[in-house]
Every structure is written in C-alpha cells, then in structure tokens.
Protein backbone atom coordinates (compact mmCIF):
# COMPACT_ATOMS: atom_id res chain seq x y z
CA MET A 1 89.16 113.96 -22.59
CA ALA A 2 86.14 115.30 -20.66
CA ALA A 3 82.82 114.33 -21.89
CA LEU A 4 80.12 116.83 -23.22
CA ASP A 5 76.71 116.01 -21.68
CA ILE A 6 74.44 117.36 -24.69
CA LYS A 7 71.34 117.10 -22.23
CA VAL A 8 72.73 119.58 -19.93
CA LEU A 9 73.82 121.81 -22.88
CA CYS A 10 70.35 121.56 -24.44
CA ARG A 11 68.86 122.90 -21.18
CA ARG A 12 71.07 125.56 -20.42
CA LEU A 13 70.39 126.78 -24.21
CA GLU A 14 66.49 126.45 -23.27
CA GLY A 15 66.99 128.82 -20.51
CA ARG A 16 68.56 131.59 -22.66
CA PHE A 17 66.54 131.04 -25.78
CA GLY A 18 63.24 130.53 -23.97
CA ILE A 19 62.18 128.14 -26.54
CA ARG A 20 62.02 124.05 -26.15
CA LEU A 21 64.60 122.07 -27.73
CA THR A 22 65.42 118.20 -27.77
CA THR A 23 68.72 116.40 -28.63
CA GLY A 24 69.32 113.50 -30.91
CA GLU A 25 72.22 112.14 -33.22
CA LYS A 26 72.63 112.52 -36.91
CA THR A 27 74.86 110.08 -39.25
CA ILE A 28 77.37 112.26 -41.28
CA ASP A 29 79.93 110.62 -43.40
CA GLY A 30 79.46 107.41 -41.31
CA GLY A 31 80.07 109.13 -38.03
CA GLN A 32 77.42 109.84 -35.19
CA PHE A 33 76.99 113.41 -34.14
CA ASP A 34 75.02 115.01 -31.42
CA VAL A 35 72.44 117.50 -32.36
CA ILE A 36 70.11 119.91 -30.70
CA ARG A 37 66.79 121.14 -32.71
CA PRO A 38 63.78 122.84 -32.07
CA SER A 39 61.28 120.07 -30.28
CA ASP A 40 57.89 121.55 -31.62
CA LEU A 41 59.11 121.83 -35.34
CA ASP A 42 58.39 119.02 -37.66
CA ASP A 43 61.67 116.75 -38.45
CA GLY A 44 62.60 117.12 -42.07
CA ASN A 45 61.25 120.61 -42.62
CA SER A 46 63.48 122.39 -39.97
CA PHE A 47 67.12 122.48 -38.85
CA CYS A 48 69.30 121.46 -36.16
CA ILE A 49 72.55 122.63 -34.64
CA ILE A 50 75.51 119.88 -35.16
CA VAL A 51 77.85 119.92 -32.05
CA SER A 52 81.10 118.10 -32.34
CA ARG A 53 84.34 118.41 -30.29
CA THR A 54 87.59 117.18 -30.74
CA HIS A 55 90.88 117.51 -28.51
CA ARG A 56 91.65 120.99 -30.12
CA GLN A 57 88.16 122.56 -30.80
CA ILE A 58 84.21 122.48 -29.94
CA GLU A 59 82.14 123.16 -33.10
CA ALA A 60 78.56 124.02 -34.05
CA CYS A 61 77.05 124.01 -37.08
CA PHE A 62 73.69 125.02 -38.82
CA SER A 63 72.25 121.90 -40.75
CA ALA A 64 68.86 122.16 -42.69
CA ASP A 65 66.71 119.26 -42.76
CA ASN A 66 66.32 117.60 -45.99
CA PHE A 67 62.73 119.16 -46.89
CA SER A 68 63.44 122.64 -45.48
CA GLY A 69 63.20 124.65 -48.70
CA ALA A 70 60.55 126.65 -47.78
CA MET A 71 62.10 127.60 -44.37
CA LEU A 72 65.51 128.57 -46.20
CA ARG A 73 63.55 130.69 -48.62
CA ARG A 74 62.11 132.76 -45.91
CA MET A 75 65.32 133.09 -44.28
CA SER A 76 66.77 134.42 -47.68
CA GLU A 77 64.19 136.60 -47.94
CA ALA A 78 64.33 138.13 -44.45
CA ASP A 79 63.97 141.74 -43.88
CA SER A 80 67.00 144.15 -43.64
CA GLU A 81 66.56 144.30 -39.79
CA SER A 82 66.92 140.67 -39.39
CA LYS A 83 69.87 140.51 -41.48
CA ILE A 84 71.58 143.71 -39.78
CA GLN A 85 71.23 141.91 -36.75
CA PHE A 86 72.60 138.61 -38.15
CA ASP A 87 75.78 140.43 -38.97
CA ARG A 88 75.99 142.25 -35.73
CA ILE A 89 75.75 138.99 -34.00
CA ARG A 90 78.24 137.47 -36.06
CA THR A 91 80.88 140.37 -35.81
CA THR A 92 80.63 141.08 -31.90
CA GLN A 93 81.47 137.55 -30.92
CA GLU A 94 85.00 137.34 -29.32
CA ASN A 95 87.25 134.20 -29.42
CA LEU A 96 85.03 132.67 -31.86
CA GLN A 97 85.66 131.45 -35.42
CA ILE A 98 82.49 131.95 -37.91
CA TYR A 99 82.36 130.57 -41.19
CA VAL A 100 79.09 131.96 -43.45
CA ALA A 101 78.26 130.81 -46.84
CA THR A 102 75.35 131.28 -48.99
CA ASP A 103 74.99 128.61 -52.00
CA GLY A 104 78.51 127.50 -51.21
CA ASN A 105 80.13 131.13 -51.56
CA PHE A 106 81.66 132.56 -48.45
CA THR A 107 79.76 135.94 -47.45
CA GLU A 108 81.01 138.61 -45.20
CA SER A 109 77.80 140.55 -44.94
CA LEU A 110 74.22 139.31 -45.29
CA ALA A 111 72.70 142.88 -45.19
CA GLU A 112 75.06 143.82 -48.03
CA ASN A 113 74.15 140.48 -49.87
CA ASN A 114 70.95 141.13 -52.19
CA LYS A 115 71.08 137.73 -53.89
CA SER A 116 68.52 134.97 -53.16
CA TRP A 117 69.95 131.91 -52.23
CA GLN A 118 68.86 128.25 -51.44
CA LYS A 119 71.78 126.91 -49.32
CA LEU A 120 73.08 128.53 -46.02
CA ASP A 121 76.00 127.12 -44.10
CA ILE A 122 76.77 128.59 -40.57
CA ASP A 123 80.08 127.36 -38.94
CA VAL A 124 81.02 128.26 -35.22
CA CYS A 125 83.94 127.24 -33.40
CA GLN A 126 86.33 127.74 -30.62
CA ARG A 127 89.57 126.65 -30.13
CA LEU A 128 90.46 124.76 -26.45
CA SER A 129 93.65 125.51 -24.77
CA THR A 130 95.59 122.34 -23.23
CA SER A 131 94.43 123.65 -19.86
CA GLU A 132 90.70 123.66 -20.56
CA THR A 133 89.75 119.76 -20.27
CA THR A 134 87.38 119.94 -17.46
CA THR A 135 83.82 119.26 -17.66
CA ASP A 136 82.75 122.69 -16.71
CA SER A 137 85.00 124.43 -19.22
CA ILE A 138 84.04 122.07 -21.85
CA LEU A 139 80.51 123.01 -21.22
CA ALA A 140 81.00 126.82 -21.09
CA HIS A 141 82.83 126.44 -24.54
CA ALA A 142 80.01 124.31 -26.27
CA LEU A 143 77.37 126.56 -24.57
CA ASN A 144 79.34 129.71 -26.53
CA VAL A 145 79.56 128.15 -29.58
CA THR A 146 75.92 126.63 -29.68
CA THR A 147 74.56 130.14 -28.51
CA CYS A 148 76.28 131.77 -31.45
CA CYS A 149 75.33 129.41 -34.09
CA LEU A 150 71.63 129.23 -32.86
CA SER A 151 71.34 133.19 -32.37
CA LEU A 152 72.42 133.39 -35.99
CA THR A 153 70.04 131.00 -37.26
CA LEU A 154 66.89 132.45 -35.65
CA SER A 155 67.79 136.11 -36.56
CA LEU A 156 66.96 135.13 -39.87
CA LEU A 157 63.43 133.42 -38.77
CA THR A 158 60.73 135.83 -37.87
CA LEU A 159 58.71 134.74 -34.88
CA GLU A 160 55.89 133.55 -37.21
CA ASP A 161 58.34 131.22 -39.00
CA ALA A 162 59.78 129.90 -35.75
CA GLU A 163 56.19 129.62 -33.99
CA SER A 164 54.55 126.88 -36.09
CA SER A 165 53.65 125.59 -32.67
CA ASP A 166 51.90 127.74 -29.98
CA HIS A 167 54.63 126.12 -27.49
CA LEU A 168 57.90 126.84 -29.31
CA ILE A 169 58.57 130.44 -28.40
CA ASN A 170 57.13 130.68 -24.61
CA LYS A 171 54.83 133.89 -24.39
CA GLY A 172 56.78 136.43 -22.03
CA TYR A 173 58.64 139.59 -21.72
CA PRO A 174 59.83 141.51 -24.28
CA GLU A 175 59.75 142.44 -28.02
CA GLY A 176 56.91 142.07 -30.56
CA SER A 177 53.23 142.40 -30.78
CA ILE A 178 51.49 143.26 -27.75
CA THR A 179 48.80 141.22 -26.07
CA ARG A 180 46.84 141.83 -22.84
CA ILE A 181 46.54 139.19 -19.84
CA GLU A 182 47.10 141.03 -16.79
CA VAL A 183 49.87 143.22 -17.72
CA ASN A 184 51.14 143.96 -21.19
CA LYS A 185 53.11 141.07 -22.53
CA TYR A 186 55.50 141.13 -25.61
CA GLU A 187 56.90 138.04 -27.80
CA ARG A 188 60.62 137.61 -27.12
CA ASN A 189 63.18 137.59 -29.67
CA PRO A 190 65.02 134.43 -28.72
CA SER A 191 68.25 135.82 -30.17
CA ASN A 192 68.27 138.87 -28.49
CA ARG A 193 67.21 137.18 -25.25
CA ALA A 194 69.98 134.82 -25.43
CA ALA A 195 72.61 137.75 -26.06
CA CYS A 196 71.51 139.50 -23.33
CA ILE A 197 71.82 136.70 -20.86
CA SER A 198 75.09 135.52 -22.34
CA TYR A 199 76.52 138.97 -21.58
CA TYR A 200 74.85 139.42 -18.08
CA GLY A 201 74.36 135.76 -16.51
CA THR A 202 71.15 134.59 -15.48
CA ALA A 203 71.00 136.15 -11.87
CA CYS A 204 68.75 139.04 -11.54
CA GLN A 205 70.08 142.42 -12.24
CA ALA A 206 68.11 144.18 -9.38
CA CYS A 207 68.44 141.64 -6.34
CA GLU A 208 71.04 138.97 -7.57
CA PHE A 209 68.26 136.30 -6.87
CA ASP A 210 69.27 133.00 -9.28
CA PHE A 211 66.87 130.47 -9.97
CA SER A 212 69.12 127.58 -10.44
CA THR A 213 70.93 128.38 -7.21
CA PHE A 214 67.69 128.34 -5.15
CA TYR A 215 65.49 126.02 -7.18
CA GLY A 216 68.50 123.45 -8.55
CA GLU A 217 68.18 121.89 -11.83
CA ILE A 218 64.72 123.16 -12.54
CA GLY A 219 65.75 126.60 -12.37
CA GLU A 220 68.75 126.20 -14.46
CA GLY A 221 69.05 129.04 -16.93
CA TYR A 222 65.35 130.37 -16.15
CA ILE A 223 65.30 134.35 -15.89
CA GLN A 224 63.25 136.88 -17.54
CA VAL A 225 64.32 139.68 -19.72
CA HIS A 226 63.27 143.21 -19.54
CA HIS A 227 62.98 146.10 -21.88
CA LEU A 228 64.73 149.15 -20.59
CA THR A 229 63.04 151.26 -22.98
CA PRO A 230 59.46 150.35 -23.36
CA VAL A 231 58.65 148.67 -26.87
CA SER A 232 55.95 150.99 -27.41
CA LYS A 233 58.33 154.01 -27.52
CA LEU A 234 60.80 152.15 -29.79
CA GLY A 235 60.59 153.18 -33.49
CA LYS A 236 59.45 150.81 -36.16
CA ASP A 237 62.90 150.21 -37.51
CA TYR A 238 64.83 150.38 -34.30
CA ILE A 239 67.50 147.68 -33.76
CA ILE A 240 67.42 146.19 -30.28
CA ASN A 241 71.14 145.91 -29.08
CA PRO A 242 70.69 143.24 -26.35
CA VAL A 243 73.27 144.70 -23.96
CA VAL A 244 72.24 148.11 -23.92
CA ASP A 245 68.26 147.64 -24.28
CA LEU A 246 67.70 144.45 -22.36
CA VAL A 247 68.36 143.32 -18.86
CA PRO A 248 67.62 139.99 -16.96
CA LEU A 249 65.21 140.21 -14.20
CA CYS A 250 63.55 137.63 -11.72
CA SER A 251 59.78 137.44 -11.97
CA ASN A 252 59.14 139.31 -8.76
CA CYS A 253 61.54 142.53 -10.04
CA HIS A 254 60.11 142.30 -13.43
CA SER A 255 56.68 142.63 -11.99
CA MET A 256 57.67 145.43 -9.84
CA ILE A 257 59.41 147.42 -12.32
CA HIS A 258 56.21 147.28 -14.30
CA ARG A 259 54.07 148.73 -11.27
CA LYS A 260 54.69 152.29 -12.42
CA ASN A 261 53.95 153.82 -15.87
CA PRO A 262 56.29 154.62 -17.13
CA PRO A 263 58.07 151.52 -15.66
CA LEU A 264 60.69 152.35 -12.75
CA SER A 265 64.38 152.38 -13.87
CA LEU A 266 66.72 149.94 -13.29
CA ASN A 267 68.48 151.98 -10.84
CA GLU A 268 65.05 152.76 -8.91
CA LEU A 269 64.62 149.45 -8.58
CA LYS A 270 67.92 148.56 -7.26
CA GLN A 271 67.67 151.19 -4.88
CA LEU A 272 64.12 150.09 -3.69
CA VAL A 273 65.53 146.43 -3.11
CA LYS A 274 68.73 147.80 -1.18
CA LYS A 275 66.33 149.78 0.91
CA ARG A 276 63.86 146.97 1.73
CA THR A 277 66.88 144.74 2.48
CA LYS A 278 68.04 147.05 4.98
CA ILE A 279 64.63 147.36 7.00
CA GLN A 280 64.38 143.56 7.05
CA THR A 281 68.00 143.16 8.48
C-alpha cells in the first residue's frame, strides 16, 4: 500500500488556498492520525483537518480544538451568503461522500438551518478502486477530500475570523476589501480560490506557464487568481461562482490584464500572448 506523504499534501493545499498550514499528529481512541492545521492560529482555539487512509478509502474530517467554542459560535452565526457557499461546495463535489452534522444531527442544508449549534461535524471521504494504489493516485485523492473539507470549514469563517495573524491569509487578488499599494489588491476568499484552482489547475489560463514545472518544488501549487468581473462591479450580495467568475493567471499575465481600465478580457489577453509568441518565434 503506497504511503501518503502528508507534507507534500500540506504544500499542495497551501498553494490552493493561499494560506500557511502545518502538519502534525493527533491521538484518537489510542491511534495516531496525521492532521493539517492553520499554522498561524493558536493550537487549542482553532481546528485541524484529520487525514486518514485505509485500503478502501481516504477520509478528511474537521476537528475543532478543545477550546474553540468562540470559533464554533462564529461559524454557527455565519451570514446567509457563507452558508449558501457552504451548501454549494457540498452539493457540487463529484465522487465524494460528505457527511455534515450540527450538534450530532445530520443536516442537508446549513442555509436552511436557522438553529444555532455548538458542535460541527464534517466528514469527507472518497472510495479507492483496486487499481488506485500508486503514490500519485493516493495523493490526488487525498488532495480532493482535504480540499473539500477545508473549503467547507473556511466558508463559514470570515476573513477577519481566519486572519487572527497578519500572515495567515496572504494579501493578493481577488475578493474583499480594497487596499492600495501599486495597484488595487483584494483579500482572497480561500475557499473560492481553492475551488477555482481545483477546477482549472495551476497552469496560467492565458500563457500556460506553470510555476512548478519551471521552478520545481518551491513553485508547486503557486498561481494567482483573477476576477473576470472586477470586484467593484459585483453587487453586495453577489455570490462568487469560482468556475465562472475566477481564473488562474501567472503573475505576469495578472499584471498585464490590469494594465487597462476596465481590465482586458481573458480572450483579449490570450490573443495578445499568442500574437507576441508568433513574433518571437
């Protein structure tokens, strides 16, 4: 049975979510399990994702720390947009078995559940076929289930909740409040970012540049995410669709697409890249 490299998995998740994560172990019923947690949140007041694997399946579970009551309360009181996003992530996952319960009771929809709760269970698993025994296939499945579990968790935590440290959420494009450095930059919603990258991959959708191919391990999972519709033009209650509204771009293409106001369309940027490539060859 091929082993799962938890550190490689952690690094891939960092690239998808744009947050700092760390690995560790947790004892449950006498057994030791690998866990992944936000590195800049205090142990005991936060959460971790427990990753386990058998011959038949890979599983990722949300686990709140012993003194995480305040965090769970904020998650229970999340706004309707966050709960709608939670439900959408849950219902759009293919080939994953997802179990969600509040206070021990199975729930089909958080958006339709108006009751407050103090305990949250999220369990995501994927069955393995007898042919899926290689290290790469095990890692790919583990990435699927942990991405889903972490996305569900973070969808209920506002950026202010998750960003107890200045370094937990790296500043960059897109979503959220605007700050001015040299260009407008937006705080990223890590769940939407992860869903976008999960769908499109980490190659730039304009020039096809891949950081991991060029830079090796240090570039693994790295890519920027661009809003196809500027945040300033989105309504207050607009709910982002990560596949329709977001697209991965390399740093250069992301900078160039914002050289115009309004920004270039993705197709315009692709044509520009294609034209320049022909000239250089």
